[in-house]
Amino acid sequence: MKQSSAIKTTYLSILSSALLALLKAFVGVLGNSYAMIADAIESVTDIFASIIVLIGLKVAAKPADEGHPYGHGKAEALATFVVGAIMIVSATLIGSQSIENINTPHDLPKSFTLYVLGGIILFKEVSFQYVIRKSKESGSTALRADAWHHRSDAITSLAAFIGISIAVLMGKGYETADDWAALLASGVIFYNSYLILKPAFGEIMDEHHYDDMIQLIRTKSKEVNGVLDTEKCHVRKAGMQYYVDLHVLVKARISVRDGHDIAHRLKDHLIKALPEIADVLIHVEPKED
């Protein structure tokens, strides 16, 4: 369910980015604004980024098999790395072209571009809020990266709006204002790339970020008859699912069969209570009276 929702959201991202890229490029050329053309480039990278996210989500949704006993969830984090790389490349292209335009005399941008940009900023911020909400609901790292791509697009559009406004209001001598705005936007995209890559790297390295979930696992475990307490608990994320290693304390003098039954009841209970958990490996520890 979570995977299908995330995939549907990504399809919407691809469609919206394609339409906006065409609109920005057309208006940017017609309105003589490189900041808007740079914004169109950002939207084109959004398309490729969303396609990568879509591929990552579809691969991550594949069930475990003989070659991948823990499933394919890491594909999502790998897709996030590719999205971050695309953002870095687009920021570099925008920044270098902005510097070249700053040093090249050109005409003032047209004022009508501001009306188009105003609508685009509003639309992209709404898109960001929608996709980031879906990423939180699904726990998808790749979808979160896609959401931040929308926010980056809104920021580049805002920078273009400010730059064009300065150029239009101040007139001759301020032709490069929107080029400076595009340069600023490239810096923001670089920073957003870092925000996207950091959690993805943490997921690949099984970095610990799950204190709340561990506390919930400990609480739910004590609801199972026969479980006296819990000891070690490690959680790692793969795609939208979690894998748990848990040590539980049971009475020392019960049989191996009883300990085995407690472990199975506990596993079933945790997966039912926390559907985001894909599997639980339980180690039974004896507790002396």
C-alpha atoms as a PDB file:
ATOM      1  CA  MET A   1       0.000   0.000   0.000  1.00  0.00           C
ATOM      2  CA  LYS A   2       2.790   2.418   0.988  1.00  0.00           C
ATOM      3  CA  GLN A   3       4.809   1.511  -2.116  1.00  0.00           C
ATOM      4  CA  SER A   4       1.861   2.046  -4.482  1.00  0.00           C
ATOM      5  CA  SER A   5       1.083   5.427  -2.889  1.00  0.00           C
ATOM      6  CA  ALA A   6       4.718   6.521  -3.225  1.00  0.00           C
ATOM      7  CA  ILE A   7       4.869   5.378  -6.868  1.00  0.00           C
ATOM      8  CA  LYS A   8       1.642   7.242  -7.707  1.00  0.00           C
ATOM      9  CA  THR A   9       3.050  10.393  -6.095  1.00  0.00           C
ATOM     10  CA  THR A  10       6.215  10.079  -8.192  1.00  0.00           C
ATOM     11  CA  TYR A  11       4.209   9.832 -11.424  1.00  0.00           C
ATOM     12  CA  LEU A  12       2.484  13.105 -10.500  1.00  0.00           C
ATOM     13  CA  SER A  13       5.904  14.683  -9.853  1.00  0.00           C
ATOM     14  CA  ILE A  14       7.154  13.667 -13.298  1.00  0.00           C
ATOM     15  CA  LEU A  15       4.079  15.092 -15.043  1.00  0.00           C
ATOM     16  CA  SER A  16       4.148  18.409 -13.173  1.00  0.00           C
ATOM     17  CA  SER A  17       7.907  18.866 -13.688  1.00  0.00           C
ATOM     18  CA  ALA A  18       7.598  18.212 -17.438  1.00  0.00           C
ATOM     19  CA  LEU A  19       4.835  20.788 -17.855  1.00  0.00           C
ATOM     20  CA  LEU A  20       6.676  23.383 -15.766  1.00  0.00           C
ATOM     21  CA  ALA A  21       9.970  22.860 -17.616  1.00  0.00           C
ATOM     22  CA  LEU A  22       8.259  23.628 -20.928  1.00  0.00           C
ATOM     23  CA  LEU A  23       6.489  26.679 -19.496  1.00  0.00           C
ATOM     24  CA  LYS A  24       9.640  28.103 -17.875  1.00  0.00           C
ATOM     25  CA  ALA A  25      11.808  27.577 -20.963  1.00  0.00           C
ATOM     26  CA  PHE A  26       9.233  29.248 -23.230  1.00  0.00           C
ATOM     27  CA  VAL A  27       8.675  32.220 -20.915  1.00  0.00           C
ATOM     28  CA  GLY A  28      12.404  32.518 -20.141  1.00  0.00           C
ATOM     29  CA  VAL A  29      13.373  32.790 -23.809  1.00  0.00           C
ATOM     30  CA  LEU A  30      10.447  35.076 -24.641  1.00  0.00           C
ATOM     31  CA  GLY A  31      11.040  37.223 -21.545  1.00  0.00           C
ATOM     32  CA  ASN A  32      14.849  37.399 -21.906  1.00  0.00           C
ATOM     33  CA  SER A  33      15.500  35.976 -18.423  1.00  0.00           C
ATOM     34  CA  TYR A  34      18.334  33.541 -17.795  1.00  0.00           C
ATOM     35  CA  ALA A  35      17.169  33.079 -14.192  1.00  0.00           C
ATOM     36  CA  MET A  36      13.968  31.624 -15.599  1.00  0.00           C
ATOM     37  CA  ILE A  37      15.852  29.485 -18.105  1.00  0.00           C
ATOM     38  CA  ALA A  38      17.997  28.237 -15.195  1.00  0.00           C
ATOM     39  CA  ASP A  39      14.749  27.491 -13.421  1.00  0.00           C
ATOM     40  CA  ALA A  40      13.652  25.448 -16.442  1.00  0.00           C
ATOM     41  CA  ILE A  41      16.919  23.485 -16.249  1.00  0.00           C
ATOM     42  CA  GLU A  42      16.124  22.739 -12.606  1.00  0.00           C
ATOM     43  CA  SER A  43      12.700  21.425 -13.646  1.00  0.00           C
ATOM     44  CA  VAL A  44      14.299  19.200 -16.301  1.00  0.00           C
ATOM     45  CA  THR A  45      16.550  17.700 -13.617  1.00  0.00           C
ATOM     46  CA  ASP A  46      13.401  17.199 -11.550  1.00  0.00           C
ATOM     47  CA  ILE A  47      12.048  14.970 -14.309  1.00  0.00           C
ATOM     48  CA  PHE A  48      15.165  12.776 -14.379  1.00  0.00           C
ATOM     49  CA  ALA A  49      15.313  12.734 -10.577  1.00  0.00           C
ATOM     50  CA  SER A  50      11.678  11.623 -10.321  1.00  0.00           C
ATOM     51  CA  ILE A  51      12.277   8.887 -12.903  1.00  0.00           C
ATOM     52  CA  ILE A  52      15.228   7.623 -10.838  1.00  0.00           C
ATOM     53  CA  VAL A  53      13.046   7.739  -7.710  1.00  0.00           C
ATOM     54  CA  LEU A  54      10.335   5.796  -9.550  1.00  0.00           C
ATOM     55  CA  ILE A  55      12.812   3.089 -10.602  1.00  0.00           C
ATOM     56  CA  GLY A  56      14.200   2.922  -7.071  1.00  0.00           C
ATOM     57  CA  LEU A  57      10.729   2.568  -5.540  1.00  0.00           C
ATOM     58  CA  LYS A  58       9.714  -0.179  -7.969  1.00  0.00           C
ATOM     59  CA  VAL A  59      12.926  -2.155  -7.358  1.00  0.00           C
ATOM     60  CA  ALA A  60      12.622  -1.649  -3.581  1.00  0.00           C
ATOM     61  CA  ALA A  61       9.043  -2.991  -3.677  1.00  0.00           C
ATOM     62  CA  LYS A  62      10.209  -6.387  -5.012  1.00  0.00           C
ATOM     63  CA  PRO A  63       9.874  -9.179  -2.438  1.00  0.00           C
ATOM     64  CA  ALA A  64      12.848 -10.995  -0.934  1.00  0.00           C
ATOM     65  CA  ASP A  65      14.317 -13.788  -3.046  1.00  0.00           C
ATOM     66  CA  GLU A  66      17.162 -16.297  -2.838  1.00  0.00           C
ATOM     67  CA  GLY A  67      19.756 -13.751  -3.904  1.00  0.00           C
ATOM     68  CA  HIS A  68      18.301 -10.945  -1.742  1.00  0.00           C
ATOM     69  CA  PRO A  69      17.002 -12.523   1.496  1.00  0.00           C
ATOM     70  CA  TYR A  70      16.533  -9.068   3.058  1.00  0.00           C
ATOM     71  CA  GLY A  71      14.582  -7.766   0.076  1.00  0.00           C
ATOM     72  CA  HIS A  72      15.512  -4.948  -2.314  1.00  0.00           C
ATOM     73  CA  GLY A  73      14.855  -1.971  -0.030  1.00  0.00           C
ATOM     74  CA  LYS A  74      18.371  -0.523  -0.300  1.00  0.00           C
ATOM     75  CA  ALA A  75      17.597   0.313  -3.953  1.00  0.00           C
ATOM     76  CA  GLU A  76      15.598   3.255  -2.639  1.00  0.00           C
ATOM     77  CA  ALA A  77      18.596   4.737  -0.820  1.00  0.00           C
ATOM     78  CA  LEU A  78      20.748   4.204  -3.931  1.00  0.00           C
ATOM     79  CA  ALA A  79      18.138   6.072  -5.984  1.00  0.00           C
ATOM     80  CA  THR A  80      18.376   8.914  -3.474  1.00  0.00           C
ATOM     81  CA  PHE A  81      22.136   9.093  -4.056  1.00  0.00           C
ATOM     82  CA  VAL A  82      21.541   9.424  -7.807  1.00  0.00           C
ATOM     83  CA  VAL A  83      18.978  12.205  -7.206  1.00  0.00           C
ATOM     84  CA  GLY A  84      21.507  14.061  -5.047  1.00  0.00           C
ATOM     85  CA  ALA A  85      24.142  13.697  -7.767  1.00  0.00           C
ATOM     86  CA  ILE A  86      21.722  15.055 -10.389  1.00  0.00           C
ATOM     87  CA  MET A  87      21.044  18.070  -8.177  1.00  0.00           C
ATOM     88  CA  ILE A  88      24.779  18.748  -7.789  1.00  0.00           C
ATOM     89  CA  VAL A  89      25.278  18.583 -11.574  1.00  0.00           C
ATOM     90  CA  SER A  90      22.335  20.918 -12.235  1.00  0.00           C
ATOM     91  CA  ALA A  91      23.575  23.385  -9.583  1.00  0.00           C
ATOM     92  CA  THR A  92      27.027  23.379 -11.194  1.00  0.00           C
ATOM     93  CA  LEU A  93      25.585  24.034 -14.666  1.00  0.00           C
ATOM     94  CA  ILE A  94      23.332  26.830 -13.404  1.00  0.00           C
ATOM     95  CA  GLY A  95      26.150  28.438 -11.413  1.00  0.00           C
ATOM     96  CA  SER A  96      28.703  28.365 -14.240  1.00  0.00           C
ATOM     97  CA  GLN A  97      26.214  29.719 -16.801  1.00  0.00           C
ATOM     98  CA  SER A  98      25.165  32.467 -14.375  1.00  0.00           C
ATOM     99  CA  ILE A  99      28.772  33.617 -13.984  1.00  0.00           C
ATOM    100  CA  GLU A 100      29.176  33.661 -17.767  1.00  0.00           C
ATOM    101  CA  ASN A 101      25.975  35.725 -18.159  1.00  0.00           C
ATOM    102  CA  ILE A 102      27.049  38.187 -15.465  1.00  0.00           C
ATOM    103  CA  ASN A 103      30.124  38.944 -17.538  1.00  0.00           C
ATOM    104  CA  THR A 104      28.165  39.227 -20.795  1.00  0.00           C
ATOM    105  CA  PRO A 105      26.099  42.380 -21.564  1.00  0.00           C
ATOM    106  CA  HIS A 106      22.441  41.657 -22.290  1.00  0.00           C
ATOM    107  CA  ASP A 107      18.974  43.251 -22.250  1.00  0.00           C
ATOM    108  CA  LEU A 108      16.671  43.609 -19.277  1.00  0.00           C
ATOM    109  CA  PRO A 109      14.219  40.757 -18.598  1.00  0.00           C
ATOM    110  CA  LYS A 110      10.536  41.350 -19.387  1.00  0.00           C
ATOM    111  CA  SER A 111       8.157  42.203 -16.535  1.00  0.00           C
ATOM    112  CA  PHE A 112       5.479  39.670 -17.562  1.00  0.00           C
ATOM    113  CA  THR A 113       7.778  36.853 -16.422  1.00  0.00           C
ATOM    114  CA  LEU A 114       7.046  37.875 -12.826  1.00  0.00           C
ATOM    115  CA  TYR A 115       3.382  36.861 -13.097  1.00  0.00           C
ATOM    116  CA  VAL A 116       4.329  33.427 -14.406  1.00  0.00           C
ATOM    117  CA  LEU A 117       6.949  32.963 -11.687  1.00  0.00           C
ATOM    118  CA  GLY A 118       4.480  33.915  -8.953  1.00  0.00           C
ATOM    119  CA  GLY A 119       2.165  31.101  -9.998  1.00  0.00           C
ATOM    120  CA  ILE A 120       5.050  28.640 -10.331  1.00  0.00           C
ATOM    121  CA  ILE A 121       6.375  29.397  -6.818  1.00  0.00           C
ATOM    122  CA  LEU A 122       2.962  28.755  -5.299  1.00  0.00           C
ATOM    123  CA  PHE A 123       2.488  25.534  -7.280  1.00  0.00           C
ATOM    124  CA  LYS A 124       5.936  24.132  -6.395  1.00  0.00           C
ATOM    125  CA  GLU A 125       5.529  24.878  -2.695  1.00  0.00           C
ATOM    126  CA  VAL A 126       2.176  23.076  -2.712  1.00  0.00           C
ATOM    127  CA  SER A 127       3.885  20.176  -4.539  1.00  0.00           C
ATOM    128  CA  PHE A 128       6.627  20.086  -1.902  1.00  0.00           C
ATOM    129  CA  GLN A 129       4.115  19.973   0.961  1.00  0.00           C
ATOM    130  CA  TYR A 130       2.150  17.173  -0.747  1.00  0.00           C
ATOM    131  CA  VAL A 131       5.169  14.989  -1.561  1.00  0.00           C
ATOM    132  CA  ILE A 132       6.889  15.509   1.822  1.00  0.00           C
ATOM    133  CA  ARG A 133       3.650  14.449   3.539  1.00  0.00           C
ATOM    134  CA  LYS A 134       3.533  11.313   1.402  1.00  0.00           C
ATOM    135  CA  SER A 135       7.197  10.593   2.198  1.00  0.00           C
ATOM    136  CA  LYS A 136       6.462  10.796   5.934  1.00  0.00           C
ATOM    137  CA  GLU A 137       3.431   8.528   5.588  1.00  0.00           C
ATOM    138  CA  SER A 138       5.434   5.929   3.655  1.00  0.00           C
ATOM    139  CA  GLY A 139       8.828   6.413   5.344  1.00  0.00           C
ATOM    140  CA  SER A 140      10.404   6.669   1.887  1.00  0.00           C
ATOM    141  CA  THR A 141      13.861   8.275   1.705  1.00  0.00           C
ATOM    142  CA  ALA A 142      13.667   8.539  -2.083  1.00  0.00           C
ATOM    143  CA  LEU A 143      10.283  10.262  -1.956  1.00  0.00           C
ATOM    144  CA  ARG A 144      11.686  12.695   0.594  1.00  0.00           C
ATOM    145  CA  ALA A 145      14.491  13.478  -1.875  1.00  0.00           C
ATOM    146  CA  ASP A 146      11.887  14.072  -4.582  1.00  0.00           C
ATOM    147  CA  ALA A 147      10.015  16.435  -2.250  1.00  0.00           C
ATOM    148  CA  TRP A 148      13.155  18.469  -1.616  1.00  0.00           C
ATOM    149  CA  HIS A 149      13.676  18.655  -5.345  1.00  0.00           C
ATOM    150  CA  HIS A 150      10.306  20.431  -5.523  1.00  0.00           C
ATOM    151  CA  ARG A 151      11.415  22.778  -2.736  1.00  0.00           C
ATOM    152  CA  SER A 152      14.660  23.477  -4.647  1.00  0.00           C
ATOM    153  CA  ASP A 153      12.594  24.327  -7.703  1.00  0.00           C
ATOM    154  CA  ALA A 154      10.448  26.706  -5.623  1.00  0.00           C
ATOM    155  CA  ILE A 155      13.616  28.362  -4.289  1.00  0.00           C
ATOM    156  CA  THR A 156      15.139  28.831  -7.752  1.00  0.00           C
ATOM    157  CA  SER A 157      11.829  30.319  -8.905  1.00  0.00           C
ATOM    158  CA  LEU A 158      11.773  32.657  -5.907  1.00  0.00           C
ATOM    159  CA  ALA A 159      15.369  33.720  -6.593  1.00  0.00           C
ATOM    160  CA  ALA A 160      14.446  34.382 -10.216  1.00  0.00           C
ATOM    161  CA  PHE A 161      11.410  36.403  -9.099  1.00  0.00           C
ATOM    162  CA  ILE A 162      13.574  38.588  -6.837  1.00  0.00           C
ATOM    163  CA  GLY A 163      16.273  39.055  -9.471  1.00  0.00           C
ATOM    164  CA  ILE A 164      13.838  39.949 -12.250  1.00  0.00           C
ATOM    165  CA  SER A 165      11.973  42.326  -9.919  1.00  0.00           C
ATOM    166  CA  ILE A 166      15.199  44.188  -9.145  1.00  0.00           C
ATOM    167  CA  ALA A 167      16.147  44.355 -12.828  1.00  0.00           C
ATOM    168  CA  VAL A 168      12.695  45.588 -13.905  1.00  0.00           C
ATOM    169  CA  LEU A 169      12.322  48.145 -11.110  1.00  0.00           C
ATOM    170  CA  MET A 170      15.879  49.543 -11.224  1.00  0.00           C
ATOM    171  CA  GLY A 171      16.177  49.483 -15.011  1.00  0.00           C
ATOM    172  CA  LYS A 172      19.355  49.960 -17.060  1.00  0.00           C
ATOM    173  CA  GLY A 173      22.520  48.950 -15.238  1.00  0.00           C
ATOM    174  CA  TYR A 174      20.769  46.147 -13.328  1.00  0.00           C
ATOM    175  CA  GLU A 175      20.459  43.700 -16.221  1.00  0.00           C
ATOM    176  CA  THR A 176      22.507  41.074 -14.368  1.00  0.00           C
ATOM    177  CA  ALA A 177      20.263  41.018 -11.281  1.00  0.00           C
ATOM    178  CA  ASP A 178      18.446  37.888 -12.405  1.00  0.00           C
ATOM    179  CA  ASP A 179      21.797  36.231 -13.243  1.00  0.00           C
ATOM    180  CA  TRP A 180      22.954  36.876  -9.676  1.00  0.00           C
ATOM    181  CA  ALA A 181      19.664  35.400  -8.521  1.00  0.00           C
ATOM    182  CA  ALA A 182      20.333  32.249 -10.560  1.00  0.00           C
ATOM    183  CA  LEU A 183      23.827  32.035  -9.037  1.00  0.00           C
ATOM    184  CA  LEU A 184      22.329  32.281  -5.551  1.00  0.00           C
ATOM    185  CA  ALA A 185      19.805  29.586  -6.434  1.00  0.00           C
ATOM    186  CA  SER A 186      22.619  27.237  -7.472  1.00  0.00           C
ATOM    187  CA  GLY A 187      24.136  27.591  -4.002  1.00  0.00           C
ATOM    188  CA  VAL A 188      20.802  26.727  -2.412  1.00  0.00           C
ATOM    189  CA  ILE A 189      20.535  23.625  -4.613  1.00  0.00           C
ATOM    190  CA  PHE A 190      24.009  22.522  -3.482  1.00  0.00           C
ATOM    191  CA  TYR A 191      22.902  22.806   0.144  1.00  0.00           C
ATOM    192  CA  ASN A 192      19.676  20.888  -0.508  1.00  0.00           C
ATOM    193  CA  SER A 193      21.782  18.153  -2.130  1.00  0.00           C
ATOM    194  CA  TYR A 194      23.592  17.764   1.180  1.00  0.00           C
ATOM    195  CA  LEU A 195      20.274  17.551   3.063  1.00  0.00           C
ATOM    196  CA  ILE A 196      19.130  14.782   0.712  1.00  0.00           C
ATOM    197  CA  LEU A 197      22.369  12.763   0.668  1.00  0.00           C
ATOM    198  CA  LYS A 198      23.021  12.755   4.425  1.00  0.00           C
ATOM    199  CA  PRO A 199      20.048  10.552   5.507  1.00  0.00           C
ATOM    200  CA  ALA A 200      20.496   8.287   2.467  1.00  0.00           C
ATOM    201  CA  PHE A 201      24.133   7.708   3.437  1.00  0.00           C
ATOM    202  CA  GLY A 202      22.990   6.987   7.001  1.00  0.00           C
ATOM    203  CA  GLU A 203      20.509   4.396   5.721  1.00  0.00           C
ATOM    204  CA  ILE A 204      23.141   2.664   3.591  1.00  0.00           C
ATOM    205  CA  MET A 205      25.503   2.558   6.600  1.00  0.00           C
ATOM    206  CA  ASP A 206      22.718   1.364   8.959  1.00  0.00           C
ATOM    207  CA  GLU A 207      23.160   4.477  11.071  1.00  0.00           C
ATOM    208  CA  HIS A 208      21.046   4.514  14.234  1.00  0.00           C
ATOM    209  CA  HIS A 209      18.069   6.919  14.165  1.00  0.00           C
ATOM    210  CA  TYR A 210      15.326   4.774  15.650  1.00  0.00           C
ATOM    211  CA  ASP A 211      15.136   5.384  19.417  1.00  0.00           C
ATOM    212  CA  ASP A 212      11.376   5.962  19.327  1.00  0.00           C
ATOM    213  CA  MET A 213      10.752   2.730  17.442  1.00  0.00           C
ATOM    214  CA  ILE A 214      13.016   0.755  19.798  1.00  0.00           C
ATOM    215  CA  GLN A 215      11.116   2.076  22.811  1.00  0.00           C
ATOM    216  CA  LEU A 216       7.837   1.075  21.155  1.00  0.00           C
ATOM    217  CA  ILE A 217       9.212  -2.411  20.385  1.00  0.00           C
ATOM    218  CA  ARG A 218      10.249  -2.856  24.035  1.00  0.00           C
ATOM    219  CA  THR A 219       6.812  -1.770  25.242  1.00  0.00           C
ATOM    220  CA  LYS A 220       4.948  -4.028  22.808  1.00  0.00           C
ATOM    221  CA  SER A 221       7.215  -6.989  23.636  1.00  0.00           C
ATOM    222  CA  LYS A 222       6.170  -6.964  27.302  1.00  0.00           C
ATOM    223  CA  GLU A 223       2.557  -7.429  26.180  1.00  0.00           C
ATOM    224  CA  VAL A 224       3.388 -11.007  25.119  1.00  0.00           C
ATOM    225  CA  ASN A 225       2.884 -13.665  27.770  1.00  0.00           C
ATOM    226  CA  GLY A 226       6.213 -15.189  28.799  1.00  0.00           C
ATOM    227  CA  VAL A 227       8.383 -12.188  27.922  1.00  0.00           C
ATOM    228  CA  LEU A 228       9.888 -10.836  31.140  1.00  0.00           C
ATOM    229  CA  ASP A 229      11.977  -8.046  29.640  1.00  0.00           C
ATOM    230  CA  THR A 230      14.107  -7.033  26.659  1.00  0.00           C
ATOM    231  CA  GLU A 231      17.851  -6.471  26.318  1.00  0.00           C
ATOM    232  CA  LYS A 232      19.601  -5.600  23.061  1.00  0.00           C
ATOM    233  CA  CYS A 233      17.455  -4.154  20.304  1.00  0.00           C
ATOM    234  CA  HIS A 234      18.869  -3.083  16.947  1.00  0.00           C
ATOM    235  CA  VAL A 235      16.831  -1.640  14.080  1.00  0.00           C
ATOM    236  CA  ARG A 236      17.908  -1.020  10.502  1.00  0.00           C
ATOM    237  CA  LYS A 237      15.966   0.413   7.594  1.00  0.00           C
ATOM    238  CA  ALA A 238      15.721  -0.972   4.063  1.00  0.00           C
ATOM    239  CA  GLY A 239      13.482   1.083   1.798  1.00  0.00           C
ATOM    240  CA  MET A 240      10.191   1.639   3.603  1.00  0.00           C
ATOM    241  CA  GLN A 241      10.579  -1.337   5.939  1.00  0.00           C
ATOM    242  CA  TYR A 242      12.535  -2.141   9.086  1.00  0.00           C
ATOM    243  CA  TYR A 243      14.453  -5.205  10.240  1.00  0.00           C
ATOM    244  CA  VAL A 244      14.786  -5.823  13.986  1.00  0.00           C
ATOM    245  CA  ASP A 245      17.268  -7.851  16.059  1.00  0.00           C
ATOM    246  CA  LEU A 246      15.882  -8.330  19.559  1.00  0.00           C
ATOM    247  CA  HIS A 247      17.082 -10.117  22.713  1.00  0.00           C
ATOM    248  CA  VAL A 248      14.321 -11.055  25.162  1.00  0.00           C
ATOM    249  CA  LEU A 249      14.432 -12.440  28.688  1.00  0.00           C
ATOM    250  CA  VAL A 250      12.319 -15.460  29.634  1.00  0.00           C
ATOM    251  CA  LYS A 251      12.245 -17.742  32.678  1.00  0.00           C
ATOM    252  CA  ALA A 252      15.441 -19.771  32.845  1.00  0.00           C
ATOM    253  CA  ARG A 253      13.813 -23.116  33.653  1.00  0.00           C
ATOM    254  CA  ILE A 254      11.242 -23.323  30.841  1.00  0.00           C
ATOM    255  CA  SER A 255      11.785 -25.816  28.013  1.00  0.00           C
ATOM    256  CA  VAL A 256      13.380 -25.034  24.670  1.00  0.00           C
ATOM    257  CA  ARG A 257       9.964 -25.620  23.092  1.00  0.00           C
ATOM    258  CA  ASP A 258       8.328 -23.034  25.368  1.00  0.00           C
ATOM    259  CA  GLY A 259      11.078 -20.504  24.614  1.00  0.00           C
ATOM    260  CA  HIS A 260      10.618 -21.156  20.896  1.00  0.00           C
ATOM    261  CA  ASP A 261       6.851 -20.637  21.166  1.00  0.00           C
ATOM    262  CA  ILE A 262       7.307 -17.355  23.064  1.00  0.00           C
ATOM    263  CA  ALA A 263       9.681 -16.086  20.372  1.00  0.00           C
ATOM    264  CA  HIS A 264       7.175 -16.895  17.604  1.00  0.00           C
ATOM    265  CA  ARG A 265       4.290 -15.262  19.452  1.00  0.00           C
ATOM    266  CA  LEU A 266       6.427 -12.184  20.040  1.00  0.00           C
ATOM    267  CA  LYS A 267       7.440 -11.939  16.382  1.00  0.00           C
ATOM    268  CA  ASP A 268       3.835 -12.220  15.191  1.00  0.00           C
ATOM    269  CA  HIS A 269       2.712  -9.665  17.787  1.00  0.00           C
ATOM    270  CA  LEU A 270       5.339  -7.073  16.798  1.00  0.00           C
ATOM    271  CA  ILE A 271       4.705  -7.381  13.051  1.00  0.00           C
ATOM    272  CA  LYS A 272       0.951  -7.066  13.609  1.00  0.00           C
ATOM    273  CA  ALA A 273       1.358  -4.059  15.934  1.00  0.00           C
ATOM    274  CA  LEU A 274       3.994  -2.372  13.752  1.00  0.00           C
ATOM    275  CA  PRO A 275       3.295  -3.221  10.071  1.00  0.00           C
ATOM    276  CA  GLU A 276       6.356  -1.276   8.925  1.00  0.00           C
ATOM    277  CA  ILE A 277       8.513  -4.062  10.416  1.00  0.00           C
ATOM    278  CA  ALA A 278       9.376  -6.631   7.741  1.00  0.00           C
ATOM    279  CA  ASP A 279      11.072  -9.173   9.998  1.00  0.00           C
ATOM    280  CA  VAL A 280      12.229  -9.719  13.595  1.00  0.00           C
ATOM    281  CA  LEU A 281      15.144 -11.934  14.605  1.00  0.00           C
ATOM    282  CA  ILE A 282      14.641 -12.895  18.274  1.00  0.00           C
ATOM    283  CA  HIS A 283      17.318 -14.245  20.594  1.00  0.00           C
ATOM    284  CA  VAL A 284      15.992 -15.811  23.796  1.00  0.00           C
ATOM    285  CA  GLU A 285      17.972 -15.140  26.995  1.00  0.00           C
ATOM    286  CA  PRO A 286      17.367 -16.997  30.317  1.00  0.00           C
ATOM    287  CA  LYS A 287      16.540 -14.958  33.419  1.00  0.00           C
ATOM    288  CA  GLU A 288      17.232 -16.692  36.709  1.00  0.00           C
ATOM    289  CA  ASP A 289      14.543 -16.490  39.393  1.00  0.00           C
END
